[in-house]
PDB file of N, CA and C in Angstrom:
ATOM      1  N   UNK A   1      86.323  76.942 104.100  1.00  0.00           N
ATOM      2  CA  UNK A   1      85.805  78.181 104.657  1.00  0.00           C
ATOM      3  C   UNK A   1      86.977  79.134 104.917  1.00  0.00           C
ATOM      4  N   UNK A   2      86.742  80.417 104.814  1.00  0.00           N
ATOM      5  CA  UNK A   2      87.819  81.384 105.035  1.00  0.00           C
ATOM      6  C   UNK A   2      88.431  81.301 106.428  1.00  0.00           C
ATOM      7  N   UNK A   3      87.651  80.927 107.428  1.00  0.00           N
ATOM      8  CA  UNK A   3      88.175  80.850 108.796  1.00  0.00           C
ATOM      9  C   UNK A   3      89.216  79.735 108.953  1.00  0.00           C
ATOM     10  N   UNK A   4      89.191  78.751 108.079  1.00  0.00           N
ATOM     11  CA  UNK A   4      90.120  77.627 108.164  1.00  0.00           C
ATOM     12  C   UNK A   4      91.448  77.884 107.442  1.00  0.00           C
ATOM     13  N   UNK A   5      91.529  78.933 106.654  1.00  0.00           N
ATOM     14  CA  UNK A   5      92.739  79.195 105.864  1.00  0.00           C
ATOM     15  C   UNK A   5      93.997  79.352 106.719  1.00  0.00           C
ATOM     16  N   UNK A   6      93.960  80.062 107.853  1.00  0.00           N
ATOM     17  CA  UNK A   6      95.183  80.154 108.668  1.00  0.00           C
ATOM     18  C   UNK A   6      95.665  78.795 109.177  1.00  0.00           C
ATOM     19  N   UNK A   7      94.755  77.869 109.416  1.00  0.00           N
ATOM     20  CA  UNK A   7      95.145  76.548 109.890  1.00  0.00           C
ATOM     21  C   UNK A   7      95.780  75.720 108.773  1.00  0.00           C
ATOM     22  N   UNK A   8      95.427  76.015 107.520  1.00  0.00           N
ATOM     23  CA  UNK A   8      96.005  75.309 106.388  1.00  0.00           C
ATOM     24  C   UNK A   8      97.400  75.821 106.034  1.00  0.00           C
ATOM     25  N   UNK A   9      97.800  76.945 106.617  1.00  0.00           N
ATOM     26  CA  UNK A   9      99.110  77.526 106.309  1.00  0.00           C
ATOM     27  C   UNK A   9     100.245  76.555 106.621  1.00  0.00           C
ATOM     28  N   UNK A  10     100.035  75.682 107.594  1.00  0.00           N
ATOM     29  CA  UNK A  10     101.070  74.722 107.972  1.00  0.00           C
ATOM     30  C   UNK A  10     101.379  73.743 106.845  1.00  0.00           C
ATOM     31  N   UNK A  11     100.383  73.395 106.054  1.00  0.00           N
ATOM     32  CA  UNK A  11     100.586  72.425 104.981  1.00  0.00           C
ATOM     33  C   UNK A  11     100.585  73.075 103.591  1.00  0.00           C
ATOM     34  N   UNK A  12     100.604  74.395 103.551  1.00  0.00           N
ATOM     35  CA  UNK A  12     100.549  75.112 102.265  1.00  0.00           C
ATOM     36  C   UNK A  12     101.749  74.799 101.385  1.00  0.00           C
ATOM     37  N   UNK A  13     102.908  74.581 101.992  1.00  0.00           N
ATOM     38  CA  UNK A  13     104.102  74.274 101.201  1.00  0.00           C
ATOM     39  C   UNK A  13     103.997  72.915 100.514  1.00  0.00           C
ATOM     40  N   UNK A  14     103.180  72.044 101.049  1.00  0.00           N
ATOM     41  CA  UNK A  14     102.977  70.723 100.448  1.00  0.00           C
ATOM     42  C   UNK A  14     101.842  70.782  99.418  1.00  0.00           C
ATOM     43  N   UNK A  15     100.730  71.408  99.785  1.00  0.00           N
ATOM     44  CA  UNK A  15      99.561  71.445  98.900  1.00  0.00           C
ATOM     45  C   UNK A  15      99.741  72.396  97.725  1.00  0.00           C
ATOM     46  N   UNK A  16     100.415  73.512  97.947  1.00  0.00           N
ATOM     47  CA  UNK A  16     100.570  74.532  96.907  1.00  0.00           C
ATOM     48  C   UNK A  16     101.196  74.035  95.624  1.00  0.00           C
ATOM     49  N   UNK A  17     102.392  73.443  95.667  1.00  0.00           N
ATOM     50  CA  UNK A  17     103.022  72.969  94.433  1.00  0.00           C
ATOM     51  C   UNK A  17     102.239  71.869  93.707  1.00  0.00           C
ATOM     52  N   UNK A  18     101.408  71.147  94.437  1.00  0.00           N
ATOM     53  CA  UNK A  18     100.591  70.095  93.824  1.00  0.00           C
ATOM     54  C   UNK A  18      99.297  70.648  93.232  1.00  0.00           C
ATOM     55  N   UNK A  19      99.035  71.941  93.448  1.00  0.00           N
ATOM     56  CA  UNK A  19      97.810  72.548  92.946  1.00  0.00           C
ATOM     57  C   UNK A  19      96.584  72.198  93.760  1.00  0.00           C
ATOM     58  N   UNK A  20      96.779  71.808  95.016  1.00  0.00           N
ATOM     59  CA  UNK A  20      95.669  71.388  95.868  1.00  0.00           C
ATOM     60  C   UNK A  20      95.294  72.407  96.934  1.00  0.00           C
ATOM     61  N   UNK A  21      96.016  73.505  97.013  1.00  0.00           N
ATOM     62  CA  UNK A  21      95.749  74.516  98.028  1.00  0.00           C
ATOM     63  C   UNK A  21      94.513  75.323  97.636  1.00  0.00           C
ATOM     64  N   UNK A  22      93.519  75.411  98.510  1.00  0.00           N
ATOM     65  CA  UNK A  22      92.336  76.223  98.210  1.00  0.00           C
ATOM     66  C   UNK A  22      92.730  77.681  98.029  1.00  0.00           C
ATOM     67  N   UNK A  23      91.981  78.382  97.174  1.00  0.00           N
ATOM     68  CA  UNK A  23      92.303  79.758  96.866  1.00  0.00           C
ATOM     69  C   UNK A  23      91.004  80.546  96.669  1.00  0.00           C
ATOM     70  N   UNK A  24      90.837  81.671  97.364  1.00  0.00           N
ATOM     71  CA  UNK A  24      89.618  82.465  97.165  1.00  0.00           C
ATOM     72  C   UNK A  24      89.449  82.965  95.729  1.00  0.00           C
ATOM     73  N   UNK A  25      90.551  83.228  95.035  1.00  0.00           N
ATOM     74  CA  UNK A  25      90.472  83.701  93.652  1.00  0.00           C
ATOM     75  C   UNK A  25      89.925  82.629  92.722  1.00  0.00           C
ATOM     76  N   UNK A  26      90.172  81.377  93.019  1.00  0.00           N
ATOM     77  CA  UNK A  26      89.683  80.276  92.197  1.00  0.00           C
ATOM     78  C   UNK A  26      88.260  79.873  92.551  1.00  0.00           C
ATOM     79  N   UNK A  27      87.718  80.426  93.592  1.00  0.00           N
ATOM     80  CA  UNK A  27      86.369  80.066  94.009  1.00  0.00           C
ATOM     81  C   UNK A  27      86.303  78.821  94.856  1.00  0.00           C
ATOM     82  N   UNK A  28      87.440  78.386  95.402  1.00  0.00           N
ATOM     83  CA  UNK A  28      87.453  77.179  96.219  1.00  0.00           C
ATOM     84  C   UNK A  28      87.418  77.488  97.712  1.00  0.00           C
ATOM     85  N   UNK A  29      87.362  78.763  98.072  1.00  0.00           N
ATOM     86  CA  UNK A  29      87.212  79.170  99.472  1.00  0.00           C
ATOM     87  C   UNK A  29      86.024  80.118  99.522  1.00  0.00           C
ATOM     88  N   UNK A  30      85.022  79.742 100.288  1.00  0.00           N
ATOM     89  CA  UNK A  30      83.802  80.538 100.351  1.00  0.00           C
ATOM     90  C   UNK A  30      83.097  80.283 101.680  1.00  0.00           C
ATOM     91  N   UNK A  31      82.419  81.285 102.208  1.00  0.00           N
ATOM     92  CA  UNK A  31      81.654  81.044 103.437  1.00  0.00           C
ATOM     93  C   UNK A  31      80.454  80.122 103.203  1.00  0.00           C
ATOM     94  N   UNK A  32      79.948  80.073 101.979  1.00  0.00           N
ATOM     95  CA  UNK A  32      78.821  79.197 101.649  1.00  0.00           C
ATOM     96  C   UNK A  32      79.351  77.946 100.942  1.00  0.00           C
ATOM     97  N   UNK A  33      79.739  76.953 101.724  1.00  0.00           N
ATOM     98  CA  UNK A  33      80.376  75.749 101.204  1.00  0.00           C
ATOM     99  C   UNK A  33      79.416  74.952 100.317  1.00  0.00           C
ATOM    100  N   UNK A  34      78.158  74.853 100.720  1.00  0.00           N
ATOM    101  CA  UNK A  34      77.189  74.067  99.960  1.00  0.00           C
ATOM    102  C   UNK A  34      77.023  74.621  98.545  1.00  0.00           C
ATOM    103  N   UNK A  35      76.898  75.930  98.430  1.00  0.00           N
ATOM    104  CA  UNK A  35      76.748  76.564  97.115  1.00  0.00           C
ATOM    105  C   UNK A  35      77.999  76.344  96.262  1.00  0.00           C
ATOM    106  N   UNK A  36      79.161  76.481  96.872  1.00  0.00           N
ATOM    107  CA  UNK A  36      80.421  76.315  96.154  1.00  0.00           C
ATOM    108  C   UNK A  36      80.555  74.894  95.618  1.00  0.00           C
ATOM    109  N   UNK A  37      80.237  73.900  96.440  1.00  0.00           N
ATOM    110  CA  UNK A  37      80.358  72.500  96.025  1.00  0.00           C
ATOM    111  C   UNK A  37      79.370  72.185  94.912  1.00  0.00           C
ATOM    112  N   UNK A  38      78.146  72.667  94.995  1.00  0.00           N
ATOM    113  CA  UNK A  38      77.170  72.400  93.929  1.00  0.00           C
ATOM    114  C   UNK A  38      77.596  73.047  92.615  1.00  0.00           C
ATOM    115  N   UNK A  39      78.170  74.253  92.662  1.00  0.00           N
ATOM    116  CA  UNK A  39      78.656  74.903  91.439  1.00  0.00           C
ATOM    117  C   UNK A  39      79.786  74.093  90.814  1.00  0.00           C
ATOM    118  N   UNK A  40      80.715  73.629  91.637  1.00  0.00           N
ATOM    119  CA  UNK A  40      81.838  72.857  91.117  1.00  0.00           C
ATOM    120  C   UNK A  40      81.373  71.523  90.540  1.00  0.00           C
ATOM    121  N   UNK A  41      80.383  70.886  91.169  1.00  0.00           N
ATOM    122  CA  UNK A  41      79.863  69.618  90.659  1.00  0.00           C
ATOM    123  C   UNK A  41      79.097  69.801  89.354  1.00  0.00           C
ATOM    124  N   UNK A  42      78.471  70.972  89.179  1.00  0.00           N
ATOM    125  CA  UNK A  42      77.751  71.250  87.937  1.00  0.00           C
ATOM    126  C   UNK A  42      78.697  71.550  86.788  1.00  0.00           C
ATOM    127  N   UNK A  43      79.977  71.720  87.088  1.00  0.00           N
ATOM    128  CA  UNK A  43      80.946  71.939  86.022  1.00  0.00           C
ATOM    129  C   UNK A  43      81.430  73.373  85.897  1.00  0.00           C
ATOM    130  N   UNK A  44      81.440  74.100  86.980  1.00  0.00           N
ATOM    131  CA  UNK A  44      81.925  75.472  86.944  1.00  0.00           C
ATOM    132  C   UNK A  44      83.367  75.473  86.425  1.00  0.00           C
ATOM    133  N   UNK A  45      83.620  76.280  85.426  1.00  0.00           N
ATOM    134  CA  UNK A  45      84.933  76.346  84.807  1.00  0.00           C
ATOM    135  C   UNK A  45      85.651  77.609  85.252  1.00  0.00           C
ATOM    136  N   UNK A  46      86.861  77.427  85.724  1.00  0.00           N
ATOM    137  CA  UNK A  46      87.690  78.550  86.139  1.00  0.00           C
ATOM    138  C   UNK A  46      88.906  78.579  85.234  1.00  0.00           C
ATOM    139  N   UNK A  47      89.139  79.725  84.595  1.00  0.00           N
ATOM    140  CA  UNK A  47      90.335  79.844  83.786  1.00  0.00           C
ATOM    141  C   UNK A  47      91.064  81.118  84.153  1.00  0.00           C
ATOM    142  N   UNK A  48      92.377  81.111  83.949  1.00  0.00           N
ATOM    143  CA  UNK A  48      93.188  82.266  84.300  1.00  0.00           C
ATOM    144  C   UNK A  48      94.281  82.438  83.267  1.00  0.00           C
ATOM    145  N   UNK A  49      94.808  83.643  83.212  1.00  0.00           N
ATOM    146  CA  UNK A  49      95.875  83.922  82.263  1.00  0.00           C
ATOM    147  C   UNK A  49      97.151  84.277  83.016  1.00  0.00           C
ATOM    148  N   UNK A  50      98.275  84.040  82.347  1.00  0.00           N
ATOM    149  CA  UNK A  50      99.547  84.392  82.953  1.00  0.00           C
ATOM    150  C   UNK A  50     100.039  85.725  82.388  1.00  0.00           C
ATOM    151  N   UNK A  51     101.230  86.130  82.750  1.00  0.00           N
ATOM    152  CA  UNK A  51     101.767  87.430  82.328  1.00  0.00           C
ATOM    153  C   UNK A  51     101.965  87.513  80.822  1.00  0.00           C
ATOM    154  N   UNK A  52     102.176  86.376  80.180  1.00  0.00           N
ATOM    155  CA  UNK A  52     102.392  86.363  78.738  1.00  0.00           C
ATOM    156  C   UNK A  52     101.112  86.378  77.917  1.00  0.00           C
ATOM    157  N   UNK A  53      99.969  86.388  78.573  1.00  0.00           N
ATOM    158  CA  UNK A  53      98.696  86.389  77.870  1.00  0.00           C
ATOM    159  C   UNK A  53      98.179  85.004  77.539  1.00  0.00           C
ATOM    160  N   UNK A  54      98.812  83.978  78.059  1.00  0.00           N
ATOM    161  CA  UNK A  54      98.352  82.601  77.845  1.00  0.00           C
ATOM    162  C   UNK A  54      97.231  82.281  78.819  1.00  0.00           C
ATOM    163  N   UNK A  55      96.187  81.663  78.321  1.00  0.00           N
ATOM    164  CA  UNK A  55      95.048  81.286  79.160  1.00  0.00           C
ATOM    165  C   UNK A  55      95.141  79.794  79.452  1.00  0.00           C
ATOM    166  N   UNK A  56      95.036  79.445  80.727  1.00  0.00           N
ATOM    167  CA  UNK A  56      95.132  78.051  81.159  1.00  0.00           C
ATOM    168  C   UNK A  56      93.779  77.605  81.712  1.00  0.00           C
ATOM    169  N   UNK A  57      93.335  76.425  81.301  1.00  0.00           N
ATOM    170  CA  UNK A  57      92.071  75.890  81.805  1.00  0.00           C
ATOM    171  C   UNK A  57      92.065  74.379  81.645  1.00  0.00           C
ATOM    172  N   UNK A  58      91.350  73.715  82.509  1.00  0.00           N
ATOM    173  CA  UNK A  58      91.142  72.271  82.419  1.00  0.00           C
ATOM    174  C   UNK A  58      89.800  72.067  81.734  1.00  0.00           C
ATOM    175  N   UNK A  59      89.797  71.327  80.637  1.00  0.00           N
ATOM    176  CA  UNK A  59      88.535  71.099  79.925  1.00  0.00           C
ATOM    177  C   UNK A  59      88.077  69.649  80.016  1.00  0.00           C
ATOM    178  N   UNK A  60      88.856  68.800  80.649  1.00  0.00           N
ATOM    179  CA  UNK A  60      88.425  67.422  80.774  1.00  0.00           C
ATOM    180  C   UNK A  60      89.455  66.548  81.438  1.00  0.00           C
ATOM    181  N   UNK A  61      89.098  65.295  81.550  1.00  0.00           N
ATOM    182  CA  UNK A  61      89.968  64.279  82.137  1.00  0.00           C
ATOM    183  C   UNK A  61      90.077  63.126  81.163  1.00  0.00           C
ATOM    184  N   UNK A  62      91.015  62.257  81.401  1.00  0.00           N
ATOM    185  CA  UNK A  62      91.257  61.139  80.489  1.00  0.00           C
ATOM    186  C   UNK A  62      90.048  60.199  80.416  1.00  0.00           C
ATOM    187  N   UNK A  63      89.210  60.197  81.430  1.00  0.00           N
ATOM    188  CA  UNK A  63      88.045  59.316  81.429  1.00  0.00           C
ATOM    189  C   UNK A  63      86.912  59.851  80.547  1.00  0.00           C
ATOM    190  N   UNK A  64      86.993  61.110  80.082  1.00  0.00           N
ATOM    191  CA  UNK A  64      85.942  61.681  79.242  1.00  0.00           C
ATOM    192  C   UNK A  64      86.052  61.121  77.832  1.00  0.00           C
ATOM    193  N   UNK A  65      84.898  60.924  77.180  1.00  0.00           N
ATOM    194  CA  UNK A  65      84.943  60.521  75.780  1.00  0.00           C
ATOM    195  C   UNK A  65      85.162  61.750  74.897  1.00  0.00           C
ATOM    196  N   UNK A  66      85.419  61.527  73.617  1.00  0.00           N
ATOM    197  CA  UNK A  66      85.798  62.627  72.731  1.00  0.00           C
ATOM    198  C   UNK A  66      84.680  63.653  72.552  1.00  0.00           C
ATOM    199  N   UNK A  67      83.415  63.221  72.560  1.00  0.00           N
ATOM    200  CA  UNK A  67      82.323  64.188  72.394  1.00  0.00           C
ATOM    201  C   UNK A  67      82.216  65.100  73.612  1.00  0.00           C
ATOM    202  N   UNK A  68      82.419  64.553  74.787  1.00  0.00           N
ATOM    203  CA  UNK A  68      82.376  65.362  76.013  1.00  0.00           C
ATOM    204  C   UNK A  68      83.521  66.379  76.021  1.00  0.00           C
ATOM    205  N   UNK A  69      84.714  65.949  75.618  1.00  0.00           N
ATOM    206  CA  UNK A  69      85.849  66.866  75.543  1.00  0.00           C
ATOM    207  C   UNK A  69      85.596  67.974  74.530  1.00  0.00           C
ATOM    208  N   UNK A  70      85.025  67.611  73.384  1.00  0.00           N
ATOM    209  CA  UNK A  70      84.730  68.615  72.355  1.00  0.00           C
ATOM    210  C   UNK A  70      83.681  69.609  72.853  1.00  0.00           C
ATOM    211  N   UNK A  71      82.649  69.119  73.515  1.00  0.00           N
ATOM    212  CA  UNK A  71      81.624  70.008  74.080  1.00  0.00           C
ATOM    213  C   UNK A  71      82.233  70.963  75.106  1.00  0.00           C
ATOM    214  N   UNK A  72      83.104  70.434  75.971  1.00  0.00           N
ATOM    215  CA  UNK A  72      83.751  71.277  76.973  1.00  0.00           C
ATOM    216  C   UNK A  72      84.643  72.322  76.320  1.00  0.00           C
ATOM    217  N   UNK A  73      85.381  71.923  75.276  1.00  0.00           N
ATOM    218  CA  UNK A  73      86.244  72.864  74.580  1.00  0.00           C
ATOM    219  C   UNK A  73      85.430  73.976  73.939  1.00  0.00           C
ATOM    220  N   UNK A  74      84.324  73.608  73.287  1.00  0.00           N
ATOM    221  CA  UNK A  74      83.471  74.624  72.650  1.00  0.00           C
ATOM    222  C   UNK A  74      82.892  75.583  73.680  1.00  0.00           C
ATOM    223  N   UNK A  75      82.450  75.064  74.813  1.00  0.00           N
ATOM    224  CA  UNK A  75      81.903  75.923  75.871  1.00  0.00           C
ATOM    225  C   UNK A  75      82.977  76.859  76.417  1.00  0.00           C
ATOM    226  N   UNK A  76      84.178  76.338  76.623  1.00  0.00           N
ATOM    227  CA  UNK A  76      85.285  77.176  77.104  1.00  0.00           C
ATOM    228  C   UNK A  76      85.643  78.237  76.081  1.00  0.00           C
ATOM    229  N   UNK A  77      85.736  77.854  74.810  1.00  0.00           N
ATOM    230  CA  UNK A  77      86.113  78.795  73.762  1.00  0.00           C
ATOM    231  C   UNK A  77      85.069  79.901  73.625  1.00  0.00           C
ATOM    232  N   UNK A  78      83.788  79.551  73.710  1.00  0.00           N
ATOM    233  CA  UNK A  78      82.727  80.558  73.652  1.00  0.00           C
ATOM    234  C   UNK A  78      82.796  81.504  74.845  1.00  0.00           C
ATOM    235  N   UNK A  79      83.052  80.961  76.038  1.00  0.00           N
ATOM    236  CA  UNK A  79      83.178  81.801  77.234  1.00  0.00           C
ATOM    237  C   UNK A  79      84.371  82.728  77.113  1.00  0.00           C
ATOM    238  N   UNK A  80      85.453  82.243  76.537  1.00  0.00           N
ATOM    239  CA  UNK A  80      86.644  83.062  76.357  1.00  0.00           C
ATOM    240  C   UNK A  80      86.379  84.194  75.370  1.00  0.00           C
ATOM    241  N   UNK A  81      85.656  83.902  74.297  1.00  0.00           N
ATOM    242  CA  UNK A  81      85.331  84.945  73.317  1.00  0.00           C
ATOM    243  C   UNK A  81      84.416  86.013  73.928  1.00  0.00           C
ATOM    244  N   UNK A  82      83.543  85.615  74.835  1.00  0.00           N
ATOM    245  CA  UNK A  82      82.635  86.579  75.476  1.00  0.00           C
ATOM    246  C   UNK A  82      83.366  87.523  76.423  1.00  0.00           C
ATOM    247  N   UNK A  83      84.554  87.141  76.884  1.00  0.00           N
ATOM    248  CA  UNK A  83      85.290  87.993  77.817  1.00  0.00           C
ATOM    249  C   UNK A  83      86.122  89.063  77.104  1.00  0.00           C
ATOM    250  N   UNK A  84      86.086  89.100  75.789  1.00  0.00           N
ATOM    251  CA  UNK A  84      86.856  90.096  75.035  1.00  0.00           C
ATOM    252  C   UNK A  84      86.371  91.491  75.402  1.00  0.00           C
ATOM    253  N   UNK A  85      87.286  92.369  75.807  1.00  0.00           N
ATOM    254  CA  UNK A  85      86.896  93.747  76.115  1.00  0.00           C
ATOM    255  C   UNK A  85      86.349  94.449  74.871  1.00  0.00           C
ATOM    256  N   UNK A  86      85.345  95.288  75.050  1.00  0.00           N
ATOM    257  CA  UNK A  86      84.690  95.933  73.906  1.00  0.00           C
ATOM    258  C   UNK A  86      85.623  96.886  73.164  1.00  0.00           C
ATOM    259  N   UNK A  87      86.590  97.483  73.854  1.00  0.00           N
ATOM    260  CA  UNK A  87      87.492  98.424  73.211  1.00  0.00           C
ATOM    261  C   UNK A  87      88.659  97.787  72.484  1.00  0.00           C
ATOM    262  N   UNK A  88      88.807  96.471  72.580  1.00  0.00           N
ATOM    263  CA  UNK A  88      89.933  95.780  71.964  1.00  0.00           C
ATOM    264  C   UNK A  88      89.627  95.468  70.505  1.00  0.00           C
ATOM    265  N   UNK A  89      90.543  95.871  69.622  1.00  0.00           N
ATOM    266  CA  UNK A  89      90.361  95.604  68.194  1.00  0.00           C
ATOM    267  C   UNK A  89      91.309  94.503  67.763  1.00  0.00           C
ATOM    268  N   UNK A  90      90.980  93.849  66.676  1.00  0.00           N
ATOM    269  CA  UNK A  90      91.829  92.790  66.151  1.00  0.00           C
ATOM    270  C   UNK A  90      91.485  91.440  66.746  1.00  0.00           C
ATOM    271  N   UNK A  91      92.399  90.501  66.533  1.00  0.00           N
ATOM    272  CA  UNK A  91      92.188  89.130  67.022  1.00  0.00           C
ATOM    273  C   UNK A  91      92.416  89.069  68.526  1.00  0.00           C
ATOM    274  N   UNK A  92      91.432  88.572  69.224  1.00  0.00           N
ATOM    275  CA  UNK A  92      91.550  88.394  70.670  1.00  0.00           C
ATOM    276  C   UNK A  92      92.259  87.079  70.973  1.00  0.00           C
ATOM    277  N   UNK A  93      92.023  86.064  70.144  1.00  0.00           N
ATOM    278  CA  UNK A  93      92.641  84.756  70.307  1.00  0.00           C
ATOM    279  C   UNK A  93      93.477  84.495  69.063  1.00  0.00           C
ATOM    280  N   UNK A  94      94.790  84.405  69.239  1.00  0.00           N
ATOM    281  CA  UNK A  94      95.678  84.225  68.094  1.00  0.00           C
ATOM    282  C   UNK A  94      95.927  82.755  67.783  1.00  0.00           C
ATOM    283  N   UNK A  95      96.313  81.970  68.777  1.00  0.00           N
ATOM    284  CA  UNK A  95      96.566  80.546  68.567  1.00  0.00           C
ATOM    285  C   UNK A  95      95.967  79.754  69.719  1.00  0.00           C
ATOM    286  N   UNK A  96      95.696  78.494  69.454  1.00  0.00           N
ATOM    287  CA  UNK A  96      95.163  77.593  70.472  1.00  0.00           C
ATOM    288  C   UNK A  96      96.037  76.346  70.491  1.00  0.00           C
ATOM    289  N   UNK A  97      96.503  75.977  71.672  1.00  0.00           N
ATOM    290  CA  UNK A  97      97.283  74.751  71.853  1.00  0.00           C
ATOM    291  C   UNK A  97      96.687  73.968  73.006  1.00  0.00           C
ATOM    292  N   UNK A  98      96.747  72.646  72.910  1.00  0.00           N
ATOM    293  CA  UNK A  98      96.217  71.792  73.965  1.00  0.00           C
ATOM    294  C   UNK A  98      97.290  70.790  74.368  1.00  0.00           C
ATOM    295  N   UNK A  99      97.227  70.368  75.625  1.00  0.00           N
ATOM    296  CA  UNK A  99      98.160  69.348  76.094  1.00  0.00           C
ATOM    297  C   UNK A  99      97.554  68.620  77.281  1.00  0.00           C
ATOM    298  N   UNK A 100      98.099  67.449  77.552  1.00  0.00           N
ATOM    299  CA  UNK A 100      97.759  66.770  78.789  1.00  0.00           C
ATOM    300  C   UNK A 100      98.663  67.348  79.867  1.00  0.00           C
ATOM    301  N   UNK A 101      98.555  66.861  81.066  1.00  0.00           N
ATOM    302  CA  UNK A 101      99.253  67.473  82.193  1.00  0.00           C
ATOM    303  C   UNK A 101     100.755  67.584  81.997  1.00  0.00           C
ATOM    304  N   UNK A 102     101.407  66.522  81.627  1.00  0.00           N
ATOM    305  CA  UNK A 102     102.866  66.540  81.525  1.00  0.00           C
ATOM    306  C   UNK A 102     103.343  66.178  80.117  1.00  0.00           C
ATOM    307  N   UNK A 103     102.700  66.729  79.105  1.00  0.00           N
ATOM    308  CA  UNK A 103     103.103  66.401  77.744  1.00  0.00           C
ATOM    309  C   UNK A 103     103.311  67.684  76.949  1.00  0.00           C
ATOM    310  N   UNK A 104     103.992  67.582  75.815  1.00  0.00           N
ATOM    311  CA  UNK A 104     104.134  68.757  74.957  1.00  0.00           C
ATOM    312  C   UNK A 104     102.792  69.161  74.391  1.00  0.00           C
ATOM    313  N   UNK A 105     102.645  70.428  74.068  1.00  0.00           N
ATOM    314  CA  UNK A 105     101.364  70.905  73.540  1.00  0.00           C
ATOM    315  C   UNK A 105     101.265  70.621  72.048  1.00  0.00           C
ATOM    316  N   UNK A 106     100.027  70.581  71.564  1.00  0.00           N
ATOM    317  CA  UNK A 106      99.717  70.378  70.166  1.00  0.00           C
ATOM    318  C   UNK A 106      98.879  71.567  69.715  1.00  0.00           C
ATOM    319  N   UNK A 107      99.273  72.200  68.626  1.00  0.00           N
ATOM    320  CA  UNK A 107      98.543  73.360  68.137  1.00  0.00           C
ATOM    321  C   UNK A 107      97.235  72.910  67.485  1.00  0.00           C
ATOM    322  N   UNK A 108      96.160  73.627  67.798  1.00  0.00           N
ATOM    323  CA  UNK A 108      94.837  73.337  67.247  1.00  0.00           C
ATOM    324  C   UNK A 108      94.575  74.319  66.125  1.00  0.00           C
ATOM    325  N   UNK A 109      94.224  73.820  64.962  1.00  0.00           N
ATOM    326  CA  UNK A 109      93.889  74.711  63.842  1.00  0.00           C
ATOM    327  C   UNK A 109      92.430  75.098  63.948  1.00  0.00           C
ATOM    328  N   UNK A 110      92.174  76.363  63.775  1.00  0.00           N
ATOM    329  CA  UNK A 110      90.807  76.884  63.906  1.00  0.00           C
ATOM    330  C   UNK A 110      90.253  77.237  62.548  1.00  0.00           C
TER     331      UNK A 110
END
């Protein structure tokens, strides 16, 4: 909840680098906790881009089978294509690379 964020400031230096700090931009801080948790359990996907135009997203875990990972990738790729601004011409997505958490990336041929 947003009211609890100031109390979490004490441990933000520990949670932040591990990627565990709640963030309103990511949808993990909300006054309606029940709605937020149900959305996340249903598979709400949050992706963001960095300054270089790279888009980062989690599409699965090691426990997922290959069909589930492929379905998640297709859903993410379709959602990414839908976010293309109407005034933008040319290729919106130039290359696709995938990696596990701490491994080198592998380029995906499209």
